[in-house]
């Protein structure tokens, strides 16, 4: 029997496609905060949502992210996401 490691998949909030976790950008709302922030490491604790690194997904996700995270998303977070996508 082969010993293959399972690759964790997550669903993009924008396009709803399932992709490997490593290909997506994570946005997290820490338990002790009411605002969301970018999580480059993918290890911060709190409620998280994932988005594909594409402008189309970000556009679609702007409506869905506040619902998915249960908080408001500041313009600063959207600007950081745009910069991250441009890389």
C-alpha atoms as a PDB file:
ATOM      1  CA  UNK A   1       0.000   0.000   0.000  1.00  0.00           C
ATOM      2  CA  UNK A   2       1.308   3.427  -0.941  1.00  0.00           C
ATOM      3  CA  UNK A   3       1.931   6.020   1.703  1.00  0.00           C
ATOM      4  CA  UNK A   4       0.567   9.139   0.016  1.00  0.00           C
ATOM      5  CA  UNK A   5      -0.064  12.250   2.010  1.00  0.00           C
ATOM      6  CA  UNK A   6      -3.475  13.859   1.611  1.00  0.00           C
ATOM      7  CA  UNK A   7      -3.331  17.459   0.394  1.00  0.00           C
ATOM      8  CA  UNK A   8      -5.796  19.676   2.305  1.00  0.00           C
ATOM      9  CA  UNK A   9      -8.277  21.497   0.080  1.00  0.00           C
ATOM     10  CA  UNK A  10     -10.289  24.618   0.814  1.00  0.00           C
ATOM     11  CA  UNK A  11     -13.082  26.377  -1.050  1.00  0.00           C
ATOM     12  CA  UNK A  12     -12.601  29.867  -2.478  1.00  0.00           C
ATOM     13  CA  UNK A  13     -15.165  32.359  -1.181  1.00  0.00           C
ATOM     14  CA  UNK A  14     -15.247  34.078  -4.589  1.00  0.00           C
ATOM     15  CA  UNK A  15     -15.537  31.361  -7.226  1.00  0.00           C
ATOM     16  CA  UNK A  16     -16.502  28.471  -4.896  1.00  0.00           C
ATOM     17  CA  UNK A  17     -13.858  26.201  -6.474  1.00  0.00           C
ATOM     18  CA  UNK A  18     -11.974  23.729  -4.284  1.00  0.00           C
ATOM     19  CA  UNK A  19      -8.214  24.089  -4.516  1.00  0.00           C
ATOM     20  CA  UNK A  20      -5.187  23.028  -2.479  1.00  0.00           C
ATOM     21  CA  UNK A  21      -4.855  25.147   0.646  1.00  0.00           C
ATOM     22  CA  UNK A  22      -1.346  26.245  -0.346  1.00  0.00           C
ATOM     23  CA  UNK A  23      -2.640  27.948  -3.527  1.00  0.00           C
ATOM     24  CA  UNK A  24      -5.148  30.165  -1.694  1.00  0.00           C
ATOM     25  CA  UNK A  25      -4.903  33.328   0.419  1.00  0.00           C
ATOM     26  CA  UNK A  26      -6.389  33.160   3.921  1.00  0.00           C
ATOM     27  CA  UNK A  27      -8.306  35.958   5.617  1.00  0.00           C
ATOM     28  CA  UNK A  28      -8.921  35.460   9.332  1.00  0.00           C
ATOM     29  CA  UNK A  29     -11.019  37.050  12.062  1.00  0.00           C
ATOM     30  CA  UNK A  30      -9.267  36.395  15.376  1.00  0.00           C
ATOM     31  CA  UNK A  31     -11.549  35.343  18.234  1.00  0.00           C
ATOM     32  CA  UNK A  32     -10.707  38.451  20.262  1.00  0.00           C
ATOM     33  CA  UNK A  33     -11.276  40.910  17.394  1.00  0.00           C
ATOM     34  CA  UNK A  34     -14.158  42.332  15.375  1.00  0.00           C
ATOM     35  CA  UNK A  35     -12.070  43.013  12.262  1.00  0.00           C
ATOM     36  CA  UNK A  36     -10.492  40.700   9.724  1.00  0.00           C
ATOM     37  CA  UNK A  37      -6.844  40.558   8.718  1.00  0.00           C
ATOM     38  CA  UNK A  38      -4.662  38.809   6.176  1.00  0.00           C
ATOM     39  CA  UNK A  39      -3.040  35.559   7.322  1.00  0.00           C
ATOM     40  CA  UNK A  40       0.039  34.831   5.210  1.00  0.00           C
ATOM     41  CA  UNK A  41       1.143  31.895   7.366  1.00  0.00           C
ATOM     42  CA  UNK A  42      -2.250  30.178   7.438  1.00  0.00           C
ATOM     43  CA  UNK A  43      -1.781  29.360  11.109  1.00  0.00           C
ATOM     44  CA  UNK A  44      -3.428  32.195  13.020  1.00  0.00           C
ATOM     45  CA  UNK A  45      -6.291  31.064  15.191  1.00  0.00           C
ATOM     46  CA  UNK A  46      -9.779  32.304  14.467  1.00  0.00           C
ATOM     47  CA  UNK A  47     -12.465  32.077  11.832  1.00  0.00           C
ATOM     48  CA  UNK A  48     -10.895  31.868   8.386  1.00  0.00           C
ATOM     49  CA  UNK A  49     -11.941  32.191   4.764  1.00  0.00           C
ATOM     50  CA  UNK A  50      -9.932  31.508   1.622  1.00  0.00           C
ATOM     51  CA  UNK A  51      -9.711  33.266  -1.727  1.00  0.00           C
ATOM     52  CA  UNK A  52      -7.981  32.490  -5.029  1.00  0.00           C
ATOM     53  CA  UNK A  53      -5.188  34.865  -6.020  1.00  0.00           C
ATOM     54  CA  UNK A  54      -7.221  36.435  -8.863  1.00  0.00           C
ATOM     55  CA  UNK A  55      -8.902  39.810  -9.273  1.00  0.00           C
ATOM     56  CA  UNK A  56     -12.176  38.179 -10.403  1.00  0.00           C
ATOM     57  CA  UNK A  57     -12.424  36.126  -7.217  1.00  0.00           C
ATOM     58  CA  UNK A  58     -11.680  39.171  -5.077  1.00  0.00           C
ATOM     59  CA  UNK A  59     -14.447  41.096  -6.821  1.00  0.00           C
ATOM     60  CA  UNK A  60     -16.953  38.286  -6.142  1.00  0.00           C
ATOM     61  CA  UNK A  61     -15.680  37.747  -2.603  1.00  0.00           C
ATOM     62  CA  UNK A  62     -16.240  41.356  -1.506  1.00  0.00           C
ATOM     63  CA  UNK A  63     -19.920  40.552  -0.936  1.00  0.00           C
ATOM     64  CA  UNK A  64     -19.344  37.131   0.614  1.00  0.00           C
ATOM     65  CA  UNK A  65     -16.361  37.733   2.925  1.00  0.00           C
ATOM     66  CA  UNK A  66     -18.220  39.738   5.595  1.00  0.00           C
ATOM     67  CA  UNK A  67     -20.851  36.994   5.795  1.00  0.00           C
ATOM     68  CA  UNK A  68     -18.285  34.175   5.863  1.00  0.00           C
ATOM     69  CA  UNK A  69     -16.254  35.807   8.634  1.00  0.00           C
ATOM     70  CA  UNK A  70     -19.115  37.386  10.543  1.00  0.00           C
ATOM     71  CA  UNK A  71     -17.528  40.828  10.680  1.00  0.00           C
ATOM     72  CA  UNK A  72     -16.918  43.896   8.577  1.00  0.00           C
ATOM     73  CA  UNK A  73     -13.896  43.992   6.288  1.00  0.00           C
ATOM     74  CA  UNK A  74     -11.937  47.246   6.165  1.00  0.00           C
ATOM     75  CA  UNK A  75     -10.681  48.828   2.949  1.00  0.00           C
ATOM     76  CA  UNK A  76      -7.139  48.271   4.225  1.00  0.00           C
ATOM     77  CA  UNK A  77      -7.645  44.483   4.114  1.00  0.00           C
ATOM     78  CA  UNK A  78      -8.979  44.695   0.543  1.00  0.00           C
ATOM     79  CA  UNK A  79      -5.955  46.815  -0.460  1.00  0.00           C
ATOM     80  CA  UNK A  80      -3.574  44.256   1.035  1.00  0.00           C
ATOM     81  CA  UNK A  81      -5.413  41.486  -0.810  1.00  0.00           C
ATOM     82  CA  UNK A  82      -5.069  43.371  -4.092  1.00  0.00           C
ATOM     83  CA  UNK A  83      -1.319  43.790  -3.493  1.00  0.00           C
ATOM     84  CA  UNK A  84      -0.983  40.097  -2.610  1.00  0.00           C
ATOM     85  CA  UNK A  85      -2.810  39.111  -5.811  1.00  0.00           C
ATOM     86  CA  UNK A  86      -0.557  41.328  -7.942  1.00  0.00           C
ATOM     87  CA  UNK A  87       2.571  39.453  -6.731  1.00  0.00           C
END
